[in-house]
Amino acid sequence: MTKSLKELADDLKDLMINLQSDAHNKGSLRPERYNNLKLSMDIAKESTPHVVINMAMSEAQFNINTGEKMNGSLGPDEKFVVRWFGKANTLEALRECWLAIARKRGRA
């Protein structure tokens, strides 16, 4: 079964928190910073398969075929997104979401 963008956002959030929760970062880790993490895809604005990652006051758009950043910035959190893209099936799940949105486009 295909994961939703919400489920994928939760996966990214969990990865970011887990990667930062070692003994050295325990005091400076603020997991609530990632509570508003959202993933979106807008086929009408950009025809290249992409995902927009919005967190806190930052936003970046990534190509889901290559994993490369198209525009925007997430600051130091971008390194976690790149690691998340490297996980098994992440980019494939994002492509499946893109195709599902493309199939629904134009339908009420």
PDB file of N, CA and C in Angstrom:
ATOM      1  N   MET A   1       0.839  -1.182   0.000  1.00  0.00           N
ATOM      2  CA  MET A   1       0.000   0.000   0.000  1.00  0.00           C
ATOM      3  C   MET A   1       0.885   1.247   0.000  1.00  0.00           C
ATOM      4  N   THR A   2       0.470   2.225  -0.761  1.00  0.00           N
ATOM      5  CA  THR A   2       1.216   3.472  -0.894  1.00  0.00           C
ATOM      6  C   THR A   2       1.060   4.321   0.358  1.00  0.00           C
ATOM      7  N   LYS A   3       2.175   4.907   0.786  1.00  0.00           N
ATOM      8  CA  LYS A   3       2.132   5.809   1.933  1.00  0.00           C
ATOM      9  C   LYS A   3       1.615   7.171   1.486  1.00  0.00           C
ATOM     10  N   SER A   4       0.920   7.842   2.381  1.00  0.00           N
ATOM     11  CA  SER A   4       0.442   9.190   2.094  1.00  0.00           C
ATOM     12  C   SER A   4       1.556  10.191   2.371  1.00  0.00           C
ATOM     13  N   LEU A   5       1.381  11.420   1.904  1.00  0.00           N
ATOM     14  CA  LEU A   5       2.360  12.465   2.192  1.00  0.00           C
ATOM     15  C   LEU A   5       2.471  12.709   3.690  1.00  0.00           C
ATOM     16  N   LYS A   6       1.382  12.574   4.407  1.00  0.00           N
ATOM     17  CA  LYS A   6       1.392  12.746   5.865  1.00  0.00           C
ATOM     18  C   LYS A   6       2.261  11.665   6.524  1.00  0.00           C
ATOM     19  N   GLU A   7       2.091  10.424   6.085  1.00  0.00           N
ATOM     20  CA  GLU A   7       2.899   9.329   6.637  1.00  0.00           C
ATOM     21  C   GLU A   7       4.378   9.514   6.315  1.00  0.00           C
ATOM     22  N   LEU A   8       4.669   9.986   5.107  1.00  0.00           N
ATOM     23  CA  LEU A   8       6.053  10.238   4.723  1.00  0.00           C
ATOM     24  C   LEU A   8       6.637  11.395   5.534  1.00  0.00           C
ATOM     25  N   ALA A   9       5.838  12.416   5.794  1.00  0.00           N
ATOM     26  CA  ALA A   9       6.291  13.537   6.630  1.00  0.00           C
ATOM     27  C   ALA A   9       6.603  13.047   8.041  1.00  0.00           C
ATOM     28  N   ASP A  10       5.774  12.156   8.556  1.00  0.00           N
ATOM     29  CA  ASP A  10       6.029  11.588   9.887  1.00  0.00           C
ATOM     30  C   ASP A  10       7.325  10.782   9.899  1.00  0.00           C
ATOM     31  N   ASP A  11       7.596  10.038   8.814  1.00  0.00           N
ATOM     32  CA  ASP A  11       8.845   9.286   8.706  1.00  0.00           C
ATOM     33  C   ASP A  11      10.054  10.223   8.741  1.00  0.00           C
ATOM     34  N   LEU A  12       9.963  11.321   7.988  1.00  0.00           N
ATOM     35  CA  LEU A  12      11.050  12.301   7.955  1.00  0.00           C
ATOM     36  C   LEU A  12      11.241  12.942   9.326  1.00  0.00           C
ATOM     37  N   LYS A  13      10.153  13.298   9.960  1.00  0.00           N
ATOM     38  CA  LYS A  13      10.219  13.892  11.303  1.00  0.00           C
ATOM     39  C   LYS A  13      10.891  12.937  12.287  1.00  0.00           C
ATOM     40  N   ASP A  14      10.487  11.674  12.278  1.00  0.00           N
ATOM     41  CA  ASP A  14      11.076  10.678  13.178  1.00  0.00           C
ATOM     42  C   ASP A  14      12.574  10.516  12.920  1.00  0.00           C
ATOM     43  N   LEU A  15      12.962  10.481  11.639  1.00  0.00           N
ATOM     44  CA  LEU A  15      14.367  10.342  11.303  1.00  0.00           C
ATOM     45  C   LEU A  15      15.165  11.539  11.827  1.00  0.00           C
ATOM     46  N   MET A  16      14.653  12.736  11.632  1.00  0.00           N
ATOM     47  CA  MET A  16      15.360  13.938  12.080  1.00  0.00           C
ATOM     48  C   MET A  16      15.557  13.941  13.594  1.00  0.00           C
ATOM     49  N   ILE A  17      14.530  13.562  14.305  1.00  0.00           N
ATOM     50  CA  ILE A  17      14.620  13.535  15.775  1.00  0.00           C
ATOM     51  C   ILE A  17      15.578  12.440  16.223  1.00  0.00           C
ATOM     52  N   ASN A  18      15.491  11.256  15.616  1.00  0.00           N
ATOM     53  CA  ASN A  18      16.371  10.147  16.003  1.00  0.00           C
ATOM     54  C   ASN A  18      17.838  10.456  15.729  1.00  0.00           C
ATOM     55  N   LEU A  19      18.117  11.081  14.593  1.00  0.00           N
ATOM     56  CA  LEU A  19      19.505  11.389  14.258  1.00  0.00           C
ATOM     57  C   LEU A  19      20.106  12.436  15.189  1.00  0.00           C
ATOM     58  N   GLN A  20      19.266  13.244  15.804  1.00  0.00           N
ATOM     59  CA  GLN A  20      19.765  14.309  16.671  1.00  0.00           C
ATOM     60  C   GLN A  20      19.682  13.968  18.152  1.00  0.00           C
ATOM     61  N   SER A  21      19.154  12.829  18.498  1.00  0.00           N
ATOM     62  CA  SER A  21      18.936  12.537  19.911  1.00  0.00           C
ATOM     63  C   SER A  21      20.052  11.705  20.536  1.00  0.00           C
ATOM     64  N   ASP A  22      21.272  11.890  20.048  1.00  0.00           N
ATOM     65  CA  ASP A  22      22.394  11.228  20.700  1.00  0.00           C
ATOM     66  C   ASP A  22      22.805  12.016  21.945  1.00  0.00           C
ATOM     67  N   ALA A  23      23.758  11.535  22.678  1.00  0.00           N
ATOM     68  CA  ALA A  23      24.158  12.151  23.947  1.00  0.00           C
ATOM     69  C   ALA A  23      24.688  13.572  23.771  1.00  0.00           C
ATOM     70  N   HIS A  24      25.303  13.864  22.637  1.00  0.00           N
ATOM     71  CA  HIS A  24      25.882  15.193  22.412  1.00  0.00           C
ATOM     72  C   HIS A  24      24.833  16.257  22.117  1.00  0.00           C
ATOM     73  N   ASN A  25      23.717  15.883  21.555  1.00  0.00           N
ATOM     74  CA  ASN A  25      22.693  16.847  21.152  1.00  0.00           C
ATOM     75  C   ASN A  25      21.486  16.876  22.083  1.00  0.00           C
ATOM     76  N   LYS A  26      21.455  16.020  23.085  1.00  0.00           N
ATOM     77  CA  LYS A  26      20.279  15.866  23.940  1.00  0.00           C
ATOM     78  C   LYS A  26      19.784  17.208  24.493  1.00  0.00           C
ATOM     79  N   GLY A  27      20.698  18.057  24.941  1.00  0.00           N
ATOM     80  CA  GLY A  27      20.296  19.331  25.541  1.00  0.00           C
ATOM     81  C   GLY A  27      19.793  20.344  24.549  1.00  0.00           C
ATOM     82  N   SER A  28      20.288  20.315  23.310  1.00  0.00           N
ATOM     83  CA  SER A  28      19.894  21.322  22.324  1.00  0.00           C
ATOM     84  C   SER A  28      18.786  20.852  21.386  1.00  0.00           C
ATOM     85  N   LEU A  29      18.393  19.599  21.476  1.00  0.00           N
ATOM     86  CA  LEU A  29      17.346  19.067  20.608  1.00  0.00           C
ATOM     87  C   LEU A  29      15.995  19.662  20.973  1.00  0.00           C
ATOM     88  N   ARG A  30      15.314  20.211  19.973  1.00  0.00           N
ATOM     89  CA  ARG A  30      13.967  20.757  20.164  1.00  0.00           C
ATOM     90  C   ARG A  30      13.017  20.047  19.196  1.00  0.00           C
ATOM     91  N   PRO A  31      12.492  18.878  19.586  1.00  0.00           N
ATOM     92  CA  PRO A  31      11.645  18.111  18.663  1.00  0.00           C
ATOM     93  C   PRO A  31      10.374  18.842  18.250  1.00  0.00           C
ATOM     94  N   GLU A  32       9.901  19.767  19.075  1.00  0.00           N
ATOM     95  CA  GLU A  32       8.687  20.517  18.715  1.00  0.00           C
ATOM     96  C   GLU A  32       8.900  21.372  17.471  1.00  0.00           C
ATOM     97  N   ARG A  33      10.165  21.634  17.129  1.00  0.00           N
ATOM     98  CA  ARG A  33      10.492  22.406  15.926  1.00  0.00           C
ATOM     99  C   ARG A  33       9.949  21.713  14.673  1.00  0.00           C
ATOM    100  N   TYR A  34       9.817  20.396  14.728  1.00  0.00           N
ATOM    101  CA  TYR A  34       9.390  19.622  13.569  1.00  0.00           C
ATOM    102  C   TYR A  34       7.894  19.300  13.575  1.00  0.00           C
ATOM    103  N   ASN A  35       7.144  19.841  14.536  1.00  0.00           N
ATOM    104  CA  ASN A  35       5.709  19.548  14.603  1.00  0.00           C
ATOM    105  C   ASN A  35       4.945  20.043  13.379  1.00  0.00           C
ATOM    106  N   ASN A  36       5.412  21.092  12.744  1.00  0.00           N
ATOM    107  CA  ASN A  36       4.711  21.650  11.586  1.00  0.00           C
ATOM    108  C   ASN A  36       5.310  21.210  10.259  1.00  0.00           C
ATOM    109  N   LEU A  37       6.105  20.149  10.266  1.00  0.00           N
ATOM    110  CA  LEU A  37       6.712  19.659   9.040  1.00  0.00           C
ATOM    111  C   LEU A  37       5.617  19.162   8.099  1.00  0.00           C
ATOM    112  N   LYS A  38       5.659  19.655   6.866  1.00  0.00           N
ATOM    113  CA  LYS A  38       4.643  19.263   5.880  1.00  0.00           C
ATOM    114  C   LYS A  38       5.304  18.972   4.544  1.00  0.00           C
ATOM    115  N   LEU A  39       4.754  18.003   3.848  1.00  0.00           N
ATOM    116  CA  LEU A  39       5.165  17.690   2.485  1.00  0.00           C
ATOM    117  C   LEU A  39       4.002  18.016   1.562  1.00  0.00           C
ATOM    118  N   SER A  40       4.321  18.574   0.412  1.00  0.00           N
ATOM    119  CA  SER A  40       3.266  18.856  -0.568  1.00  0.00           C
ATOM    120  C   SER A  40       3.825  18.702  -1.977  1.00  0.00           C
ATOM    121  N   MET A  41       2.907  18.553  -2.911  1.00  0.00           N
ATOM    122  CA  MET A  41       3.251  18.445  -4.333  1.00  0.00           C
ATOM    123  C   MET A  41       2.223  19.253  -5.101  1.00  0.00           C
ATOM    124  N   ASP A  42       2.687  20.146  -5.970  1.00  0.00           N
ATOM    125  CA  ASP A  42       1.772  20.984  -6.742  1.00  0.00           C
ATOM    126  C   ASP A  42       2.068  20.827  -8.225  1.00  0.00           C
ATOM    127  N   ILE A  43       1.308  19.945  -8.856  1.00  0.00           N
ATOM    128  CA  ILE A  43       1.508  19.642 -10.271  1.00  0.00           C
ATOM    129  C   ILE A  43       1.199  20.853 -11.145  1.00  0.00           C
ATOM    130  N   ALA A  44       0.264  21.691 -10.723  1.00  0.00           N
ATOM    131  CA  ALA A  44      -0.111  22.857 -11.513  1.00  0.00           C
ATOM    132  C   ALA A  44       1.020  23.887 -11.584  1.00  0.00           C
ATOM    133  N   LYS A  45       1.793  24.028 -10.502  1.00  0.00           N
ATOM    134  CA  LYS A  45       2.873  25.012 -10.479  1.00  0.00           C
ATOM    135  C   LYS A  45       4.154  24.507 -11.128  1.00  0.00           C
ATOM    136  N   GLU A  46       4.420  23.223 -10.979  1.00  0.00           N
ATOM    137  CA  GLU A  46       5.682  22.645 -11.464  1.00  0.00           C
ATOM    138  C   GLU A  46       5.410  21.251 -12.015  1.00  0.00           C
ATOM    139  N   SER A  47       5.747  21.052 -13.292  1.00  0.00           N
ATOM    140  CA  SER A  47       5.457  19.755 -13.915  1.00  0.00           C
ATOM    141  C   SER A  47       6.528  18.702 -13.629  1.00  0.00           C
ATOM    142  N   THR A  48       7.697  19.122 -13.183  1.00  0.00           N
ATOM    143  CA  THR A  48       8.745  18.178 -12.808  1.00  0.00           C
ATOM    144  C   THR A  48       8.330  17.481 -11.509  1.00  0.00           C
ATOM    145  N   PRO A  49       8.408  16.166 -11.452  1.00  0.00           N
ATOM    146  CA  PRO A  49       8.060  15.473 -10.201  1.00  0.00           C
ATOM    147  C   PRO A  49       8.897  16.008  -9.039  1.00  0.00           C
ATOM    148  N   HIS A  50       8.221  16.505  -8.045  1.00  0.00           N
ATOM    149  CA  HIS A  50       8.900  17.166  -6.932  1.00  0.00           C
ATOM    150  C   HIS A  50       8.117  17.004  -5.642  1.00  0.00           C
ATOM    151  N   VAL A  51       8.785  17.327  -4.533  1.00  0.00           N
ATOM    152  CA  VAL A  51       8.131  17.420  -3.234  1.00  0.00           C
ATOM    153  C   VAL A  51       8.600  18.730  -2.613  1.00  0.00           C
ATOM    154  N   VAL A  52       7.670  19.431  -1.995  1.00  0.00           N
ATOM    155  CA  VAL A  52       7.992  20.653  -1.273  1.00  0.00           C
ATOM    156  C   VAL A  52       7.975  20.298   0.212  1.00  0.00           C
ATOM    157  N   ILE A  53       9.073  20.577   0.880  1.00  0.00           N
ATOM    158  CA  ILE A  53       9.181  20.312   2.311  1.00  0.00           C
ATOM    159  C   ILE A  53       9.149  21.645   3.031  1.00  0.00           C
ATOM    160  N   ASN A  54       8.165  21.791   3.908  1.00  0.00           N
ATOM    161  CA  ASN A  54       7.977  23.025   4.660  1.00  0.00           C
ATOM    162  C   ASN A  54       8.122  22.691   6.131  1.00  0.00           C
ATOM    163  N   MET A  55       9.046  23.388   6.793  1.00  0.00           N
ATOM    164  CA  MET A  55       9.217  23.167   8.216  1.00  0.00           C
ATOM    165  C   MET A  55       9.610  24.486   8.863  1.00  0.00           C
ATOM    166  N   ALA A  56       8.980  24.752   9.987  1.00  0.00           N
ATOM    167  CA  ALA A  56       9.191  26.013  10.697  1.00  0.00           C
ATOM    168  C   ALA A  56       8.963  27.145   9.701  1.00  0.00           C
ATOM    169  N   MET A  57       9.949  27.967   9.456  1.00  0.00           N
ATOM    170  CA  MET A  57       9.782  29.081   8.523  1.00  0.00           C
ATOM    171  C   MET A  57      10.582  28.851   7.247  1.00  0.00           C
ATOM    172  N   SER A  58      10.992  27.617   7.007  1.00  0.00           N
ATOM    173  CA  SER A  58      11.814  27.285   5.846  1.00  0.00           C
ATOM    174  C   SER A  58      11.039  26.391   4.888  1.00  0.00           C
ATOM    175  N   GLU A  59      11.405  26.503   3.606  1.00  0.00           N
ATOM    176  CA  GLU A  59      10.761  25.685   2.587  1.00  0.00           C
ATOM    177  C   GLU A  59      11.763  25.404   1.482  1.00  0.00           C
ATOM    178  N   ALA A  60      11.764  24.174   0.998  1.00  0.00           N
ATOM    179  CA  ALA A  60      12.625  23.793  -0.113  1.00  0.00           C
ATOM    180  C   ALA A  60      11.889  22.799  -0.996  1.00  0.00           C
ATOM    181  N   GLN A  61      12.216  22.847  -2.278  1.00  0.00           N
ATOM    182  CA  GLN A  61      11.605  21.967  -3.261  1.00  0.00           C
ATOM    183  C   GLN A  61      12.688  21.025  -3.791  1.00  0.00           C
ATOM    184  N   PHE A  62      12.368  19.716  -3.816  1.00  0.00           N
ATOM    185  CA  PHE A  62      13.325  18.705  -4.246  1.00  0.00           C
ATOM    186  C   PHE A  62      12.750  17.890  -5.396  1.00  0.00           C
ATOM    187  N   ASN A  63      13.601  17.570  -6.359  1.00  0.00           N
ATOM    188  CA  ASN A  63      13.237  16.706  -7.466  1.00  0.00           C
ATOM    189  C   ASN A  63      13.186  15.277  -6.931  1.00  0.00           C
ATOM    190  N   ILE A  64      12.073  14.576  -7.125  1.00  0.00           N
ATOM    191  CA  ILE A  64      11.942  13.224  -6.574  1.00  0.00           C
ATOM    192  C   ILE A  64      12.479  12.146  -7.521  1.00  0.00           C
ATOM    193  N   ASN A  65      12.930  12.546  -8.701  1.00  0.00           N
ATOM    194  CA  ASN A  65      13.602  11.588  -9.580  1.00  0.00           C
ATOM    195  C   ASN A  65      15.087  11.494  -9.246  1.00  0.00           C
ATOM    196  N   THR A  66      15.672  12.630  -8.861  1.00  0.00           N
ATOM    197  CA  THR A  66      17.114  12.674  -8.605  1.00  0.00           C
ATOM    198  C   THR A  66      17.460  12.896  -7.135  1.00  0.00           C
ATOM    199  N   GLY A  67      16.532  13.437  -6.355  1.00  0.00           N
ATOM    200  CA  GLY A  67      16.803  13.774  -4.966  1.00  0.00           C
ATOM    201  C   GLY A  67      17.508  15.109  -4.799  1.00  0.00           C
ATOM    202  N   GLU A  68      17.696  15.836  -5.891  1.00  0.00           N
ATOM    203  CA  GLU A  68      18.389  17.116  -5.852  1.00  0.00           C
ATOM    204  C   GLU A  68      17.446  18.253  -5.491  1.00  0.00           C
ATOM    205  N   LYS A  69      17.991  19.254  -4.802  1.00  0.00           N
ATOM    206  CA  LYS A  69      17.203  20.431  -4.443  1.00  0.00           C
ATOM    207  C   LYS A  69      16.986  21.285  -5.683  1.00  0.00           C
ATOM    208  N   MET A  70      15.742  21.721  -5.881  1.00  0.00           N
ATOM    209  CA  MET A  70      15.403  22.571  -7.019  1.00  0.00           C
ATOM    210  C   MET A  70      15.452  24.051  -6.620  1.00  0.00           C
ATOM    211  N   ASN A  71      14.922  24.368  -5.446  1.00  0.00           N
ATOM    212  CA  ASN A  71      15.003  25.737  -4.932  1.00  0.00           C
ATOM    213  C   ASN A  71      14.628  25.768  -3.463  1.00  0.00           C
ATOM    214  N   GLY A  72      14.891  26.915  -2.826  1.00  0.00           N
ATOM    215  CA  GLY A  72      14.596  27.076  -1.412  1.00  0.00           C
ATOM    216  C   GLY A  72      15.726  26.567  -0.535  1.00  0.00           C
ATOM    217  N   SER A  73      15.480  26.571   0.766  1.00  0.00           N
ATOM    218  CA  SER A  73      16.493  26.118   1.715  1.00  0.00           C
ATOM    219  C   SER A  73      15.837  25.691   3.022  1.00  0.00           C
ATOM    220  N   LEU A  74      16.390  24.658   3.615  1.00  0.00           N
ATOM    221  CA  LEU A  74      15.965  24.207   4.937  1.00  0.00           C
ATOM    222  C   LEU A  74      17.076  24.422   5.954  1.00  0.00           C
ATOM    223  N   GLY A  75      18.100  25.152   5.551  1.00  0.00           N
ATOM    224  CA  GLY A  75      19.218  25.410   6.446  1.00  0.00           C
ATOM    225  C   GLY A  75      19.929  24.125   6.811  1.00  0.00           C
ATOM    226  N   PRO A  76      20.360  23.999   8.064  1.00  0.00           N
ATOM    227  CA  PRO A  76      21.121  22.812   8.468  1.00  0.00           C
ATOM    228  C   PRO A  76      20.303  21.512   8.428  1.00  0.00           C
ATOM    229  N   ASP A  77      18.985  21.609   8.358  1.00  0.00           N
ATOM    230  CA  ASP A  77      18.146  20.403   8.325  1.00  0.00           C
ATOM    231  C   ASP A  77      18.155  19.713   6.964  1.00  0.00           C
ATOM    232  N   GLU A  78      18.704  20.366   5.937  1.00  0.00           N
ATOM    233  CA  GLU A  78      18.751  19.749   4.606  1.00  0.00           C
ATOM    234  C   GLU A  78      19.533  18.442   4.605  1.00  0.00           C
ATOM    235  N   LYS A  79      20.549  18.353   5.448  1.00  0.00           N
ATOM    236  CA  LYS A  79      21.359  17.126   5.481  1.00  0.00           C
ATOM    237  C   LYS A  79      20.517  15.932   5.913  1.00  0.00           C
ATOM    238  N   PHE A  80      19.503  16.172   6.736  1.00  0.00           N
ATOM    239  CA  PHE A  80      18.626  15.079   7.165  1.00  0.00           C
ATOM    240  C   PHE A  80      17.695  14.647   6.027  1.00  0.00           C
ATOM    241  N   VAL A  81      17.263  15.602   5.228  1.00  0.00           N
ATOM    242  CA  VAL A  81      16.407  15.287   4.080  1.00  0.00           C
ATOM    243  C   VAL A  81      17.185  14.429   3.084  1.00  0.00           C
ATOM    244  N   VAL A  82      18.431  14.793   2.834  1.00  0.00           N
ATOM    245  CA  VAL A  82      19.264  14.016   1.913  1.00  0.00           C
ATOM    246  C   VAL A  82      19.429  12.585   2.429  1.00  0.00           C
ATOM    247  N   ARG A  83      19.639  12.428   3.725  1.00  0.00           N
ATOM    248  CA  ARG A  83      19.748  11.068   4.309  1.00  0.00           C
ATOM    249  C   ARG A  83      18.430  10.318   4.180  1.00  0.00           C
ATOM    250  N   TRP A  84      17.313  11.029   4.370  1.00  0.00           N
ATOM    251  CA  TRP A  84      15.990  10.409   4.247  1.00  0.00           C
ATOM    252  C   TRP A  84      15.765   9.927   2.813  1.00  0.00           C
ATOM    253  N   PHE A  85      16.161  10.739   1.827  1.00  0.00           N
ATOM    254  CA  PHE A  85      16.046  10.324   0.424  1.00  0.00           C
ATOM    255  C   PHE A  85      16.863   9.060   0.160  1.00  0.00           C
ATOM    256  N   GLY A  86      17.962   8.878   0.879  1.00  0.00           N
ATOM    257  CA  GLY A  86      18.817   7.722   0.697  1.00  0.00           C
ATOM    258  C   GLY A  86      18.272   6.440   1.301  1.00  0.00           C
ATOM    259  N   LYS A  87      17.255   6.559   2.148  1.00  0.00           N
ATOM    260  CA  LYS A  87      16.655   5.361   2.741  1.00  0.00           C
ATOM    261  C   LYS A  87      15.897   4.573   1.680  1.00  0.00           C
ATOM    262  N   ALA A  88      15.860   3.270   1.875  1.00  0.00           N
ATOM    263  CA  ALA A  88      15.164   2.394   0.927  1.00  0.00           C
ATOM    264  C   ALA A  88      13.704   2.799   0.771  1.00  0.00           C
ATOM    265  N   ASN A  89      13.261   2.902  -0.447  1.00  0.00           N
ATOM    266  CA  ASN A  89      11.867   3.142  -0.833  1.00  0.00           C
ATOM    267  C   ASN A  89      11.347   4.552  -0.595  1.00  0.00           C
ATOM    268  N   THR A  90      12.133   5.480  -0.071  1.00  0.00           N
ATOM    269  CA  THR A  90      11.614   6.828   0.180  1.00  0.00           C
ATOM    270  C   THR A  90      11.272   7.533  -1.123  1.00  0.00           C
ATOM    271  N   LEU A  91      12.236   7.610  -2.044  1.00  0.00           N
ATOM    272  CA  LEU A  91      11.964   8.297  -3.313  1.00  0.00           C
ATOM    273  C   LEU A  91      10.884   7.567  -4.106  1.00  0.00           C
ATOM    274  N   GLU A  92      10.877   6.242  -4.035  1.00  0.00           N
ATOM    275  CA  GLU A  92       9.841   5.469  -4.734  1.00  0.00           C
ATOM    276  C   GLU A  92       8.455   5.793  -4.168  1.00  0.00           C
ATOM    277  N   ALA A  93       8.340   5.887  -2.858  1.00  0.00           N
ATOM    278  CA  ALA A  93       7.056   6.235  -2.236  1.00  0.00           C
ATOM    279  C   ALA A  93       6.620   7.641  -2.636  1.00  0.00           C
ATOM    280  N   LEU A  94       7.572   8.564  -2.732  1.00  0.00           N
ATOM    281  CA  LEU A  94       7.244   9.925  -3.172  1.00  0.00           C
ATOM    282  C   LEU A  94       6.783   9.919  -4.631  1.00  0.00           C
ATOM    283  N   ARG A  95       7.418   9.116  -5.466  1.00  0.00           N
ATOM    284  CA  ARG A  95       6.992   9.016  -6.875  1.00  0.00           C
ATOM    285  C   ARG A  95       5.587   8.436  -6.976  1.00  0.00           C
ATOM    286  N   GLU A  96       5.269   7.463  -6.129  1.00  0.00           N
ATOM    287  CA  GLU A  96       3.920   6.886  -6.128  1.00  0.00           C
ATOM    288  C   GLU A  96       2.885   7.939  -5.729  1.00  0.00           C
ATOM    289  N   CYS A  97       3.221   8.783  -4.759  1.00  0.00           N
ATOM    290  CA  CYS A  97       2.314   9.876  -4.373  1.00  0.00           C
ATOM    291  C   CYS A  97       2.117  10.835  -5.538  1.00  0.00           C
ATOM    292  N   TRP A  98       3.219  11.136  -6.236  1.00  0.00           N
ATOM    293  CA  TRP A  98       3.147  12.042  -7.390  1.00  0.00           C
ATOM    294  C   TRP A  98       2.201  11.474  -8.455  1.00  0.00           C
ATOM    295  N   LEU A  99       2.356  10.187  -8.748  1.00  0.00           N
ATOM    296  CA  LEU A  99       1.503   9.550  -9.755  1.00  0.00           C
ATOM    297  C   LEU A  99       0.042   9.527  -9.318  1.00  0.00           C
ATOM    298  N   ALA A 100      -0.211   9.290  -8.046  1.00  0.00           N
ATOM    299  CA  ALA A 100      -1.586   9.286  -7.536  1.00  0.00           C
ATOM    300  C   ALA A 100      -2.209  10.664  -7.672  1.00  0.00           C
ATOM    301  N   ILE A 101      -1.443  11.701  -7.374  1.00  0.00           N
ATOM    302  CA  ILE A 101      -1.948  13.075  -7.508  1.00  0.00           C
ATOM    303  C   ILE A 101      -2.177  13.398  -8.980  1.00  0.00           C
ATOM    304  N   ALA A 102      -1.288  12.955  -9.848  1.00  0.00           N
ATOM    305  CA  ALA A 102      -1.433  13.201 -11.286  1.00  0.00           C
ATOM    306  C   ALA A 102      -2.671  12.514 -11.838  1.00  0.00           C
ATOM    307  N   ARG A 103      -2.966  11.294 -11.360  1.00  0.00           N
ATOM    308  CA  ARG A 103      -4.158  10.578 -11.821  1.00  0.00           C
ATOM    309  C   ARG A 103      -5.439  11.283 -11.377  1.00  0.00           C
ATOM    310  N   LYS A 104      -5.429  11.888 -10.199  1.00  0.00           N
ATOM    311  CA  LYS A 104      -6.621  12.553  -9.672  1.00  0.00           C
ATOM    312  C   LYS A 104      -6.823  13.953 -10.246  1.00  0.00           C
ATOM    313  N   ARG A 105      -5.781  14.500 -10.856  1.00  0.00           N
ATOM    314  CA  ARG A 105      -5.853  15.867 -11.358  1.00  0.00           C
ATOM    315  C   ARG A 105      -6.995  16.023 -12.358  1.00  0.00           C
ATOM    316  N   GLY A 106      -7.777  17.040 -12.159  1.00  0.00           N
ATOM    317  CA  GLY A 106      -8.888  17.303 -13.062  1.00  0.00           C
ATOM    318  C   GLY A 106     -10.179  16.622 -12.682  1.00  0.00           C
ATOM    319  N   ARG A 107     -10.115  15.766 -11.672  1.00  0.00           N
ATOM    320  CA  ARG A 107     -11.344  15.099 -11.210  1.00  0.00           C
ATOM    321  C   ARG A 107     -11.896  15.821 -10.013  1.00  0.00           C
ATOM    322  N   ALA A 108     -13.184  15.859  -9.929  1.00  0.00           N
ATOM    323  CA  ALA A 108     -13.830  16.532  -8.790  1.00  0.00           C
ATOM    324  C   ALA A 108     -13.887  15.633  -7.589  1.00  0.00           C
TER     325      ALA A 108
END
